[in-house]
Amino acid sequence: MNESSENQNAKGTKRQWTTEEDAVLVQGLLQLVDDGWKADAGTFKPGYTKVLERYLLKKIPDCTLKANPHIESRVKRLKSHYSAIRDMLGPSASGFGWNDATKTIVVEKEVYRQWCKSHPNATGLFGKPFPHYERLHNVFGKDKACGDTSEDPADHAYNIVKEFFPSSPRNEFDIDLNLGEENFESQISETATYNTTQVPSQVNQSQRDVTSNRSGKSAAKRAKHTDDVSDSLLSSLNKLGEFYAGSVENIKQLTSCFMHEKLTADRRNQVVSLLKEIEGLSAVDVVRAGMVITKDNNLCDYFFTMDTPELKKEFVHIVLKNNGSE
């Protein structure tokens, strides 16, 4: 049988996993988490099933499990079972418990049956051991807590690719997600320098390099953003300074007006006293002259420029004469 026939046969055959293979797979997932293969979106980075395939082969030399479909489907099943059990043990459920000795859900069968009507992913778990539940907290626990199941799978895949493979100037990707994972690695070699031939224990340096490059780009973006913010702030401060300078001038003018008004008011209060000091003015003349002078601010100001008694007396005679009082 040639290689293509073997692959086709492998894809068309349902593979029964052994207890040892499950245990090694879970250990490989934990190793991926330690080596930084969890993406920001809460899932694993592209190519992780290929790394798990090599990890399984390293731990179990005669292992025939392939990244696609065996490992990919098994990881999905483990995540589905983990999520179902976590939901049953969560605050939204009642009547469920966990037997740590048998690694099974403890619940009345009727309660379980009713629960499965609204939670079909829990079907088949009654009395069925799930020995890796606690260990999978570190693998899927954060995903469940963050509610990653609400994200559309297509958008989820797009975000992952967008994170690790920079877009072209047209904002397009050269990676075809529809070709299947067996063709994914060949596309990576043409579009990015991401190395998927490493086993989990060899990934650390590569991850640090990728992180360093991304940090450098992020720092450049932050620096540009900081410059833009600084320019905007400086422009705003300049405008504020101009506004402040104009406001100060307006306040000065307003203050000057208030001071002049106060001075005029004070002078009006002094007019009668000054008129009474002028010799030859009768009481009627004082009242009439006072009424005319205090009624007109300009006239009042002019009256106070008369710096001798004679000028003041002559000023009063003219005012009274112009108003028909003489």
C-alpha atoms as a PDB file:
ATOM      1  CA  MET A   1       0.000   0.000   0.000  1.00  0.00           C
ATOM      2  CA  ASN A   2       1.491   3.382  -1.015  1.00  0.00           C
ATOM      3  CA  GLU A   3       1.680   6.435   1.287  1.00  0.00           C
ATOM      4  CA  SER A   4      -1.398   8.199  -0.137  1.00  0.00           C
ATOM      5  CA  SER A   5      -3.459   5.057   0.292  1.00  0.00           C
ATOM      6  CA  GLU A   6      -2.330   4.750   3.884  1.00  0.00           C
ATOM      7  CA  ASN A   7      -3.286   8.374   4.579  1.00  0.00           C
ATOM      8  CA  GLN A   8      -6.651   7.914   2.942  1.00  0.00           C
ATOM      9  CA  ASN A   9      -7.246   4.744   4.944  1.00  0.00           C
ATOM     10  CA  ALA A  10      -6.195   6.491   8.136  1.00  0.00           C
ATOM     11  CA  LYS A  11      -8.673   9.299   7.495  1.00  0.00           C
ATOM     12  CA  GLY A  12     -11.502   6.918   6.814  1.00  0.00           C
ATOM     13  CA  THR A  13     -10.919   4.719   9.883  1.00  0.00           C
ATOM     14  CA  LYS A  14     -12.103   5.541  13.387  1.00  0.00           C
ATOM     15  CA  ARG A  15      -9.110   5.177  15.705  1.00  0.00           C
ATOM     16  CA  GLN A  16      -9.622   3.791  19.207  1.00  0.00           C
ATOM     17  CA  TRP A  17      -7.365   5.600  21.675  1.00  0.00           C
ATOM     18  CA  THR A  18      -5.627   3.656  24.428  1.00  0.00           C
ATOM     19  CA  THR A  19      -5.298   4.789  28.033  1.00  0.00           C
ATOM     20  CA  GLU A  20      -1.562   5.353  27.525  1.00  0.00           C
ATOM     21  CA  GLU A  21      -2.113   7.445  24.398  1.00  0.00           C
ATOM     22  CA  ASP A  22      -4.691   9.610  26.175  1.00  0.00           C
ATOM     23  CA  ALA A  23      -2.311  10.170  29.082  1.00  0.00           C
ATOM     24  CA  VAL A  24       0.578  11.131  26.766  1.00  0.00           C
ATOM     25  CA  LEU A  25      -1.711  13.451  24.766  1.00  0.00           C
ATOM     26  CA  VAL A  26      -2.774  15.277  27.929  1.00  0.00           C
ATOM     27  CA  GLN A  27       0.863  15.538  29.012  1.00  0.00           C
ATOM     28  CA  GLY A  28       1.705  16.951  25.582  1.00  0.00           C
ATOM     29  CA  LEU A  29      -1.055  19.553  25.895  1.00  0.00           C
ATOM     30  CA  LEU A  30       0.295  20.609  29.284  1.00  0.00           C
ATOM     31  CA  GLN A  31       3.776  20.844  27.776  1.00  0.00           C
ATOM     32  CA  LEU A  32       2.426  23.079  25.005  1.00  0.00           C
ATOM     33  CA  VAL A  33       0.901  25.370  27.640  1.00  0.00           C
ATOM     34  CA  ASP A  34       4.231  25.567  29.479  1.00  0.00           C
ATOM     35  CA  ASP A  35       6.072  26.293  26.219  1.00  0.00           C
ATOM     36  CA  GLY A  36       3.799  29.202  25.331  1.00  0.00           C
ATOM     37  CA  TRP A  37       1.680  27.636  22.611  1.00  0.00           C
ATOM     38  CA  LYS A  38      -1.567  29.076  23.980  1.00  0.00           C
ATOM     39  CA  ALA A  39      -2.672  32.029  21.837  1.00  0.00           C
ATOM     40  CA  ASP A  40      -4.202  35.243  23.155  1.00  0.00           C
ATOM     41  CA  ALA A  41      -7.568  34.155  21.801  1.00  0.00           C
ATOM     42  CA  GLY A  42      -7.613  31.268  24.299  1.00  0.00           C
ATOM     43  CA  THR A  43      -6.777  28.432  21.917  1.00  0.00           C
ATOM     44  CA  PHE A  44      -3.565  26.873  20.638  1.00  0.00           C
ATOM     45  CA  LYS A  45      -1.444  28.423  17.936  1.00  0.00           C
ATOM     46  CA  PRO A  46      -1.550  27.039  14.374  1.00  0.00           C
ATOM     47  CA  GLY A  47       0.405  23.815  13.845  1.00  0.00           C
ATOM     48  CA  TYR A  48       0.068  22.581  17.420  1.00  0.00           C
ATOM     49  CA  THR A  49      -1.399  19.214  16.375  1.00  0.00           C
ATOM     50  CA  LYS A  50       1.725  18.542  14.273  1.00  0.00           C
ATOM     51  CA  VAL A  51       3.847  19.197  17.339  1.00  0.00           C
ATOM     52  CA  LEU A  52       1.651  16.824  19.369  1.00  0.00           C
ATOM     53  CA  GLU A  53       1.994  14.173  16.667  1.00  0.00           C
ATOM     54  CA  ARG A  54       5.787  14.272  17.000  1.00  0.00           C
ATOM     55  CA  TYR A  55       5.498  14.368  20.797  1.00  0.00           C
ATOM     56  CA  LEU A  56       3.348  11.203  20.830  1.00  0.00           C
ATOM     57  CA  LEU A  57       5.749   9.459  18.458  1.00  0.00           C
ATOM     58  CA  LYS A  58       8.674  10.392  20.707  1.00  0.00           C
ATOM     59  CA  LYS A  59       6.969   9.027  23.818  1.00  0.00           C
ATOM     60  CA  ILE A  60       5.366   6.017  22.069  1.00  0.00           C
ATOM     61  CA  PRO A  61       7.705   4.984  19.210  1.00  0.00           C
ATOM     62  CA  ASP A  62       5.179   2.730  17.473  1.00  0.00           C
ATOM     63  CA  CYS A  63       2.361   5.306  17.649  1.00  0.00           C
ATOM     64  CA  THR A  64       0.471   5.753  14.369  1.00  0.00           C
ATOM     65  CA  LEU A  65      -1.738   8.638  15.442  1.00  0.00           C
ATOM     66  CA  LYS A  66      -1.746  11.577  13.024  1.00  0.00           C
ATOM     67  CA  ALA A  67      -2.372  15.265  13.583  1.00  0.00           C
ATOM     68  CA  ASN A  68      -5.400  15.116  11.324  1.00  0.00           C
ATOM     69  CA  PRO A  69      -7.840  13.587  11.966  1.00  0.00           C
ATOM     70  CA  HIS A  70      -6.817  11.681  15.107  1.00  0.00           C
ATOM     71  CA  ILE A  71      -5.210  14.262  17.398  1.00  0.00           C
ATOM     72  CA  GLU A  72      -7.381  17.163  16.265  1.00  0.00           C
ATOM     73  CA  SER A  73     -10.623  15.280  16.903  1.00  0.00           C
ATOM     74  CA  ARG A  74      -9.359  13.835  20.192  1.00  0.00           C
ATOM     75  CA  VAL A  75      -8.449  17.261  21.559  1.00  0.00           C
ATOM     76  CA  LYS A  76     -11.909  18.519  20.616  1.00  0.00           C
ATOM     77  CA  ARG A  77     -13.498  15.562  22.423  1.00  0.00           C
ATOM     78  CA  LEU A  78     -11.373  16.119  25.540  1.00  0.00           C
ATOM     79  CA  LYS A  79     -12.340  19.786  25.555  1.00  0.00           C
ATOM     80  CA  SER A  80     -16.019  18.941  25.070  1.00  0.00           C
ATOM     81  CA  HIS A  81     -16.004  16.444  27.960  1.00  0.00           C
ATOM     82  CA  TYR A  82     -14.053  18.816  30.196  1.00  0.00           C
ATOM     83  CA  SER A  83     -16.474  21.686  29.478  1.00  0.00           C
ATOM     84  CA  ALA A  84     -19.512  19.459  30.067  1.00  0.00           C
ATOM     85  CA  ILE A  85     -18.216  18.273  33.450  1.00  0.00           C
ATOM     86  CA  ARG A  86     -17.202  21.778  34.478  1.00  0.00           C
ATOM     87  CA  ASP A  87     -20.707  23.019  33.658  1.00  0.00           C
ATOM     88  CA  MET A  88     -22.262  20.247  35.754  1.00  0.00           C
ATOM     89  CA  LEU A  89     -20.011  21.154  38.692  1.00  0.00           C
ATOM     90  CA  GLY A  90     -20.523  24.885  38.182  1.00  0.00           C
ATOM     91  CA  PRO A  91     -22.810  27.313  40.022  1.00  0.00           C
ATOM     92  CA  SER A  92     -25.563  27.077  37.395  1.00  0.00           C
ATOM     93  CA  ALA A  93     -26.147  23.373  38.122  1.00  0.00           C
ATOM     94  CA  SER A  94     -27.409  21.631  41.257  1.00  0.00           C
ATOM     95  CA  GLY A  95     -27.406  18.021  42.379  1.00  0.00           C
ATOM     96  CA  PHE A  96     -24.009  17.218  40.843  1.00  0.00           C
ATOM     97  CA  GLY A  97     -20.840  16.129  42.616  1.00  0.00           C
ATOM     98  CA  TRP A  98     -17.435  14.707  41.776  1.00  0.00           C
ATOM     99  CA  ASN A  99     -16.027  11.364  42.937  1.00  0.00           C
ATOM    100  CA  ASP A 100     -12.282  11.873  43.047  1.00  0.00           C
ATOM    101  CA  ALA A 101     -11.628   8.171  43.537  1.00  0.00           C
ATOM    102  CA  THR A 102     -13.489   7.001  40.427  1.00  0.00           C
ATOM    103  CA  LYS A 103     -13.080  10.299  38.528  1.00  0.00           C
ATOM    104  CA  THR A 104     -16.781  10.353  37.690  1.00  0.00           C
ATOM    105  CA  ILE A 105     -19.756  12.677  38.049  1.00  0.00           C
ATOM    106  CA  VAL A 106     -22.018  11.856  41.008  1.00  0.00           C
ATOM    107  CA  VAL A 107     -25.689  12.620  40.307  1.00  0.00           C
ATOM    108  CA  GLU A 108     -29.125  11.066  40.321  1.00  0.00           C
ATOM    109  CA  LYS A 109     -29.886   9.543  36.939  1.00  0.00           C
ATOM    110  CA  GLU A 110     -33.111  11.504  36.485  1.00  0.00           C
ATOM    111  CA  VAL A 111     -31.341  14.792  37.283  1.00  0.00           C
ATOM    112  CA  TYR A 112     -28.657  13.883  34.785  1.00  0.00           C
ATOM    113  CA  ARG A 113     -31.240  12.972  32.132  1.00  0.00           C
ATOM    114  CA  GLN A 114     -33.018  16.313  32.524  1.00  0.00           C
ATOM    115  CA  TRP A 115     -29.696  18.151  32.380  1.00  0.00           C
ATOM    116  CA  CYS A 116     -28.748  16.506  29.087  1.00  0.00           C
ATOM    117  CA  LYS A 117     -31.902  17.830  27.445  1.00  0.00           C
ATOM    118  CA  SER A 118     -30.484  21.350  27.582  1.00  0.00           C
ATOM    119  CA  HIS A 119     -26.807  20.329  27.585  1.00  0.00           C
ATOM    120  CA  PRO A 120     -26.374  17.657  24.892  1.00  0.00           C
ATOM    121  CA  ASN A 121     -22.573  17.726  25.174  1.00  0.00           C
ATOM    122  CA  ALA A 122     -22.961  16.028  28.580  1.00  0.00           C
ATOM    123  CA  THR A 123     -24.569  12.972  27.003  1.00  0.00           C
ATOM    124  CA  GLY A 124     -22.679   9.757  27.641  1.00  0.00           C
ATOM    125  CA  LEU A 125     -20.784  10.949  30.705  1.00  0.00           C
ATOM    126  CA  PHE A 126     -23.016   9.340  33.347  1.00  0.00           C
ATOM    127  CA  GLY A 127     -20.840   6.901  35.295  1.00  0.00           C
ATOM    128  CA  LYS A 128     -18.032   7.272  32.751  1.00  0.00           C
ATOM    129  CA  PRO A 129     -14.575   7.981  34.236  1.00  0.00           C
ATOM    130  CA  PHE A 130     -12.752  11.074  33.035  1.00  0.00           C
ATOM    131  CA  PRO A 131      -9.345  10.711  34.743  1.00  0.00           C
ATOM    132  CA  HIS A 132      -7.763  13.840  33.257  1.00  0.00           C
ATOM    133  CA  TYR A 133     -10.333  16.386  34.428  1.00  0.00           C
ATOM    134  CA  GLU A 134      -8.139  18.111  37.044  1.00  0.00           C
ATOM    135  CA  ARG A 135      -5.062  18.160  34.786  1.00  0.00           C
ATOM    136  CA  LEU A 136      -7.030  19.728  31.955  1.00  0.00           C
ATOM    137  CA  HIS A 137      -7.812  22.771  34.102  1.00  0.00           C
ATOM    138  CA  ASN A 138      -4.499  24.252  32.939  1.00  0.00           C
ATOM    139  CA  VAL A 139      -5.292  23.432  29.309  1.00  0.00           C
ATOM    140  CA  PHE A 140      -8.940  24.388  28.901  1.00  0.00           C
ATOM    141  CA  GLY A 141      -9.826  26.089  32.180  1.00  0.00           C
ATOM    142  CA  LYS A 142      -9.002  29.606  30.992  1.00  0.00           C
ATOM    143  CA  ASP A 143     -10.850  29.037  27.715  1.00  0.00           C
ATOM    144  CA  LYS A 144     -14.040  28.097  29.541  1.00  0.00           C
ATOM    145  CA  ALA A 145     -13.749  30.913  32.061  1.00  0.00           C
ATOM    146  CA  CYS A 146     -13.313  33.452  29.297  1.00  0.00           C
ATOM    147  CA  GLY A 147     -16.271  32.082  27.383  1.00  0.00           C
ATOM    148  CA  ASP A 148     -14.379  31.275  24.198  1.00  0.00           C
ATOM    149  CA  THR A 149     -17.163  28.979  23.006  1.00  0.00           C
ATOM    150  CA  SER A 150     -19.190  32.055  22.041  1.00  0.00           C
ATOM    151  CA  GLU A 151     -16.683  32.993  19.328  1.00  0.00           C
ATOM    152  CA  ASP A 152     -17.441  31.958  15.789  1.00  0.00           C
ATOM    153  CA  PRO A 153     -14.943  29.220  14.733  1.00  0.00           C
ATOM    154  CA  ALA A 154     -14.175  30.922  11.417  1.00  0.00           C
ATOM    155  CA  ASP A 155     -13.470  34.249  13.122  1.00  0.00           C
ATOM    156  CA  HIS A 156     -11.440  32.440  15.745  1.00  0.00           C
ATOM    157  CA  ALA A 157      -9.227  30.809  13.103  1.00  0.00           C
ATOM    158  CA  TYR A 158      -8.891  34.091  11.206  1.00  0.00           C
ATOM    159  CA  ASN A 159      -7.769  35.928  14.341  1.00  0.00           C
ATOM    160  CA  ILE A 160      -5.159  33.284  15.088  1.00  0.00           C
ATOM    161  CA  VAL A 161      -3.674  33.456  11.588  1.00  0.00           C
ATOM    162  CA  LYS A 162      -3.794  37.244  11.626  1.00  0.00           C
ATOM    163  CA  GLU A 163      -1.875  37.272  14.925  1.00  0.00           C
ATOM    164  CA  PHE A 164       0.999  35.076  13.770  1.00  0.00           C
ATOM    165  CA  PHE A 165       1.258  35.851  10.059  1.00  0.00           C
ATOM    166  CA  PRO A 166       1.463  39.536   9.061  1.00  0.00           C
ATOM    167  CA  SER A 167      -0.937  40.616   6.345  1.00  0.00           C
ATOM    168  CA  SER A 168       0.118  41.806   2.913  1.00  0.00           C
ATOM    169  CA  PRO A 169      -0.233  45.489   1.906  1.00  0.00           C
ATOM    170  CA  ARG A 170      -3.682  44.593   0.654  1.00  0.00           C
ATOM    171  CA  ASN A 171      -4.505  43.121   4.087  1.00  0.00           C
ATOM    172  CA  GLU A 172      -4.839  39.616   2.642  1.00  0.00           C
ATOM    173  CA  PHE A 173      -3.405  36.331   3.878  1.00  0.00           C
ATOM    174  CA  ASP A 174      -1.611  33.795   1.661  1.00  0.00           C
ATOM    175  CA  ILE A 175      -2.690  30.901   3.908  1.00  0.00           C
ATOM    176  CA  ASP A 176      -5.688  28.846   2.839  1.00  0.00           C
ATOM    177  CA  LEU A 177      -7.386  27.449   5.931  1.00  0.00           C
ATOM    178  CA  ASN A 178      -9.630  25.256   3.797  1.00  0.00           C
ATOM    179  CA  LEU A 179      -6.822  22.966   2.636  1.00  0.00           C
ATOM    180  CA  GLY A 180      -6.723  21.034   5.886  1.00  0.00           C
ATOM    181  CA  GLU A 181      -4.082  20.808   8.571  1.00  0.00           C
ATOM    182  CA  GLU A 182      -1.986  18.263   6.660  1.00  0.00           C
ATOM    183  CA  ASN A 183      -1.291  21.030   4.087  1.00  0.00           C
ATOM    184  CA  PHE A 184      -0.947  23.803   6.635  1.00  0.00           C
ATOM    185  CA  GLU A 185       2.732  23.275   7.398  1.00  0.00           C
ATOM    186  CA  SER A 186       3.758  23.515   3.739  1.00  0.00           C
ATOM    187  CA  GLN A 187       2.007  26.873   3.478  1.00  0.00           C
ATOM    188  CA  ILE A 188       3.758  28.204   6.549  1.00  0.00           C
ATOM    189  CA  SER A 189       7.206  27.621   5.068  1.00  0.00           C
ATOM    190  CA  GLU A 190       6.287  29.850   2.102  1.00  0.00           C
ATOM    191  CA  THR A 191       4.605  32.670   4.011  1.00  0.00           C
ATOM    192  CA  ALA A 192       6.353  32.906   7.373  1.00  0.00           C
ATOM    193  CA  THR A 193       9.443  31.898   9.324  1.00  0.00           C
ATOM    194  CA  TYR A 194       7.440  30.146  12.005  1.00  0.00           C
ATOM    195  CA  ASN A 195       9.060  26.750  12.690  1.00  0.00           C
ATOM    196  CA  THR A 196       6.616  23.913  13.348  1.00  0.00           C
ATOM    197  CA  THR A 197       9.225  21.146  13.317  1.00  0.00           C
ATOM    198  CA  GLN A 198      10.106  21.627  16.968  1.00  0.00           C
ATOM    199  CA  VAL A 199       8.855  19.446  19.783  1.00  0.00           C
ATOM    200  CA  PRO A 200       7.411  21.262  22.801  1.00  0.00           C
ATOM    201  CA  SER A 201      10.677  21.297  24.758  1.00  0.00           C
ATOM    202  CA  GLN A 202      12.480  23.009  21.840  1.00  0.00           C
ATOM    203  CA  VAL A 203      10.042  25.867  21.349  1.00  0.00           C
ATOM    204  CA  ASN A 204      11.137  28.286  24.078  1.00  0.00           C
ATOM    205  CA  GLN A 205      13.784  30.207  22.105  1.00  0.00           C
ATOM    206  CA  SER A 206      11.588  30.490  19.022  1.00  0.00           C
ATOM    207  CA  GLN A 207       8.692  31.764  21.111  1.00  0.00           C
ATOM    208  CA  ARG A 208      10.951  34.332  22.748  1.00  0.00           C
ATOM    209  CA  ASP A 209      12.198  35.525  19.334  1.00  0.00           C
ATOM    210  CA  VAL A 210       8.645  35.880  18.024  1.00  0.00           C
ATOM    211  CA  THR A 211       7.636  37.699  21.195  1.00  0.00           C
ATOM    212  CA  SER A 212      10.675  39.977  20.906  1.00  0.00           C
ATOM    213  CA  ASN A 213       9.869  40.873  17.292  1.00  0.00           C
ATOM    214  CA  ARG A 214       6.247  41.538  18.149  1.00  0.00           C
ATOM    215  CA  SER A 215       7.316  43.573  21.188  1.00  0.00           C
ATOM    216  CA  GLY A 216       9.591  45.668  18.971  1.00  0.00           C
ATOM    217  CA  LYS A 217       6.775  46.398  16.551  1.00  0.00           C
ATOM    218  CA  SER A 218       4.438  47.148  19.432  1.00  0.00           C
ATOM    219  CA  ALA A 219       7.004  49.491  20.962  1.00  0.00           C
ATOM    220  CA  ALA A 220       7.328  51.332  17.634  1.00  0.00           C
ATOM    221  CA  LYS A 221       3.554  51.651  17.392  1.00  0.00           C
ATOM    222  CA  ARG A 222       3.384  52.863  20.987  1.00  0.00           C
ATOM    223  CA  ALA A 223       6.157  55.409  20.293  1.00  0.00           C
ATOM    224  CA  LYS A 224       4.315  56.738  17.226  1.00  0.00           C
ATOM    225  CA  HIS A 225       1.086  56.862  19.198  1.00  0.00           C
ATOM    226  CA  THR A 226       2.885  58.714  21.992  1.00  0.00           C
ATOM    227  CA  ASP A 227       4.275  61.261  19.506  1.00  0.00           C
ATOM    228  CA  ASP A 228       0.814  61.813  18.044  1.00  0.00           C
ATOM    229  CA  VAL A 229      -0.642  62.285  21.502  1.00  0.00           C
ATOM    230  CA  SER A 230       2.168  64.682  22.439  1.00  0.00           C
ATOM    231  CA  ASP A 231       1.606  66.774  19.305  1.00  0.00           C
ATOM    232  CA  SER A 232      -2.113  66.874  19.939  1.00  0.00           C
ATOM    233  CA  LEU A 233      -1.564  67.832  23.575  1.00  0.00           C
ATOM    234  CA  LEU A 234       0.922  70.549  22.624  1.00  0.00           C
ATOM    235  CA  SER A 235      -1.508  71.972  20.077  1.00  0.00           C
ATOM    236  CA  SER A 236      -4.262  71.971  22.684  1.00  0.00           C
ATOM    237  CA  LEU A 237      -1.998  73.705  25.207  1.00  0.00           C
ATOM    238  CA  ASN A 238      -1.087  76.371  22.645  1.00  0.00           C
ATOM    239  CA  LYS A 239      -4.754  77.019  21.946  1.00  0.00           C
ATOM    240  CA  LEU A 240      -5.428  77.097  25.667  1.00  0.00           C
ATOM    241  CA  GLY A 241      -2.600  79.598  26.110  1.00  0.00           C
ATOM    242  CA  GLU A 242      -4.021  81.836  23.374  1.00  0.00           C
ATOM    243  CA  PHE A 243      -7.453  81.596  24.930  1.00  0.00           C
ATOM    244  CA  TYR A 244      -6.012  82.380  28.348  1.00  0.00           C
ATOM    245  CA  ALA A 245      -4.091  85.397  27.018  1.00  0.00           C
ATOM    246  CA  GLY A 246      -7.254  86.727  25.376  1.00  0.00           C
ATOM    247  CA  SER A 247      -9.210  86.069  28.535  1.00  0.00           C
ATOM    248  CA  VAL A 248      -6.687  87.957  30.649  1.00  0.00           C
ATOM    249  CA  GLU A 249      -6.967  90.976  28.349  1.00  0.00           C
ATOM    250  CA  ASN A 250     -10.748  90.838  28.522  1.00  0.00           C
ATOM    251  CA  ILE A 251     -10.601  90.588  32.283  1.00  0.00           C
ATOM    252  CA  LYS A 252      -8.305  93.611  32.413  1.00  0.00           C
ATOM    253  CA  GLN A 253     -10.733  95.636  30.309  1.00  0.00           C
ATOM    254  CA  LEU A 254     -13.657  94.487  32.389  1.00  0.00           C
ATOM    255  CA  THR A 255     -11.820  95.346  35.586  1.00  0.00           C
ATOM    256  CA  SER A 256     -10.994  98.781  34.218  1.00  0.00           C
ATOM    257  CA  CYS A 257     -14.669  99.387  33.477  1.00  0.00           C
ATOM    258  CA  PHE A 258     -15.667  98.313  36.969  1.00  0.00           C
ATOM    259  CA  MET A 259     -12.999 100.548  38.508  1.00  0.00           C
ATOM    260  CA  HIS A 260     -14.141 103.523  36.452  1.00  0.00           C
ATOM    261  CA  GLU A 261     -17.749 102.893  37.412  1.00  0.00           C
ATOM    262  CA  LYS A 262     -16.778 102.693  41.069  1.00  0.00           C
ATOM    263  CA  LEU A 263     -14.749 105.890  40.778  1.00  0.00           C
ATOM    264  CA  THR A 264     -17.688 107.655  39.103  1.00  0.00           C
ATOM    265  CA  ALA A 265     -20.050 106.434  41.812  1.00  0.00           C
ATOM    266  CA  ASP A 266     -17.699 107.724  44.487  1.00  0.00           C
ATOM    267  CA  ARG A 267     -17.488 111.071  42.734  1.00  0.00           C
ATOM    268  CA  ARG A 268     -21.280 111.365  42.476  1.00  0.00           C
ATOM    269  CA  ASN A 269     -21.445 110.891  46.214  1.00  0.00           C
ATOM    270  CA  GLN A 270     -18.991 113.800  46.656  1.00  0.00           C
ATOM    271  CA  VAL A 271     -20.701 116.249  44.263  1.00  0.00           C
ATOM    272  CA  VAL A 272     -23.187 117.681  46.790  1.00  0.00           C
ATOM    273  CA  SER A 273     -20.468 118.167  49.424  1.00  0.00           C
ATOM    274  CA  LEU A 274     -18.274 120.050  46.951  1.00  0.00           C
ATOM    275  CA  LEU A 275     -21.183 122.209  45.767  1.00  0.00           C
ATOM    276  CA  LYS A 276     -21.990 123.230  49.330  1.00  0.00           C
ATOM    277  CA  GLU A 277     -18.426 124.547  49.701  1.00  0.00           C
ATOM    278  CA  ILE A 278     -18.820 127.015  46.793  1.00  0.00           C
ATOM    279  CA  GLU A 279     -19.552 130.514  48.069  1.00  0.00           C
ATOM    280  CA  GLY A 280     -22.586 132.327  46.704  1.00  0.00           C
ATOM    281  CA  LEU A 281     -24.638 129.177  45.840  1.00  0.00           C
ATOM    282  CA  SER A 282     -28.035 128.951  47.401  1.00  0.00           C
ATOM    283  CA  ALA A 283     -29.495 125.664  48.613  1.00  0.00           C
ATOM    284  CA  VAL A 284     -31.726 125.553  45.526  1.00  0.00           C
ATOM    285  CA  ASP A 285     -28.691 126.025  43.266  1.00  0.00           C
ATOM    286  CA  VAL A 286     -26.850 123.191  45.049  1.00  0.00           C
ATOM    287  CA  VAL A 287     -29.782 120.798  44.584  1.00  0.00           C
ATOM    288  CA  ARG A 288     -30.403 121.696  40.969  1.00  0.00           C
ATOM    289  CA  ALA A 289     -26.701 121.620  40.004  1.00  0.00           C
ATOM    290  CA  GLY A 290     -26.234 118.308  41.842  1.00  0.00           C
ATOM    291  CA  MET A 291     -29.161 116.729  39.967  1.00  0.00           C
ATOM    292  CA  VAL A 292     -27.741 117.744  36.585  1.00  0.00           C
ATOM    293  CA  ILE A 293     -24.106 116.847  37.256  1.00  0.00           C
ATOM    294  CA  THR A 294     -24.731 113.408  38.824  1.00  0.00           C
ATOM    295  CA  LYS A 295     -27.114 112.473  36.017  1.00  0.00           C
ATOM    296  CA  ASP A 296     -24.361 112.653  33.375  1.00  0.00           C
ATOM    297  CA  ASN A 297     -21.126 110.674  34.001  1.00  0.00           C
ATOM    298  CA  ASN A 298     -19.160 112.715  31.484  1.00  0.00           C
ATOM    299  CA  LEU A 299     -20.353 115.937  33.100  1.00  0.00           C
ATOM    300  CA  CYS A 300     -19.482 114.571  36.512  1.00  0.00           C
ATOM    301  CA  ASP A 301     -15.963 113.637  35.378  1.00  0.00           C
ATOM    302  CA  TYR A 302     -15.498 117.071  33.875  1.00  0.00           C
ATOM    303  CA  PHE A 303     -16.652 118.761  37.100  1.00  0.00           C
ATOM    304  CA  PHE A 304     -13.830 117.054  39.013  1.00  0.00           C
ATOM    305  CA  THR A 305     -11.249 118.487  36.621  1.00  0.00           C
ATOM    306  CA  MET A 306     -12.126 121.961  37.962  1.00  0.00           C
ATOM    307  CA  ASP A 307      -9.284 122.251  40.493  1.00  0.00           C
ATOM    308  CA  THR A 308     -10.076 125.668  41.994  1.00  0.00           C
ATOM    309  CA  PRO A 309     -13.181 127.045  43.771  1.00  0.00           C
ATOM    310  CA  GLU A 310     -13.537 129.779  41.129  1.00  0.00           C
ATOM    311  CA  LEU A 311     -13.606 127.240  38.287  1.00  0.00           C
ATOM    312  CA  LYS A 312     -16.122 125.103  40.127  1.00  0.00           C
ATOM    313  CA  LYS A 313     -18.360 128.136  40.729  1.00  0.00           C
ATOM    314  CA  GLU A 314     -18.214 129.182  37.083  1.00  0.00           C
ATOM    315  CA  PHE A 315     -18.884 125.527  36.018  1.00  0.00           C
ATOM    316  CA  VAL A 316     -22.036 125.457  38.171  1.00  0.00           C
ATOM    317  CA  HIS A 317     -23.329 128.777  36.750  1.00  0.00           C
ATOM    318  CA  ILE A 318     -22.911 127.474  33.184  1.00  0.00           C
ATOM    319  CA  VAL A 319     -24.654 124.184  34.026  1.00  0.00           C
ATOM    320  CA  LEU A 320     -27.596 125.950  35.661  1.00  0.00           C
ATOM    321  CA  LYS A 321     -27.848 128.479  32.832  1.00  0.00           C
ATOM    322  CA  ASN A 322     -27.858 125.712  30.156  1.00  0.00           C
ATOM    323  CA  ASN A 323     -30.630 123.936  32.030  1.00  0.00           C
ATOM    324  CA  GLY A 324     -32.779 127.109  32.383  1.00  0.00           C
ATOM    325  CA  SER A 325     -32.233 127.503  36.107  1.00  0.00           C
ATOM    326  CA  GLU A 326     -30.859 131.048  35.929  1.00  0.00           C
END
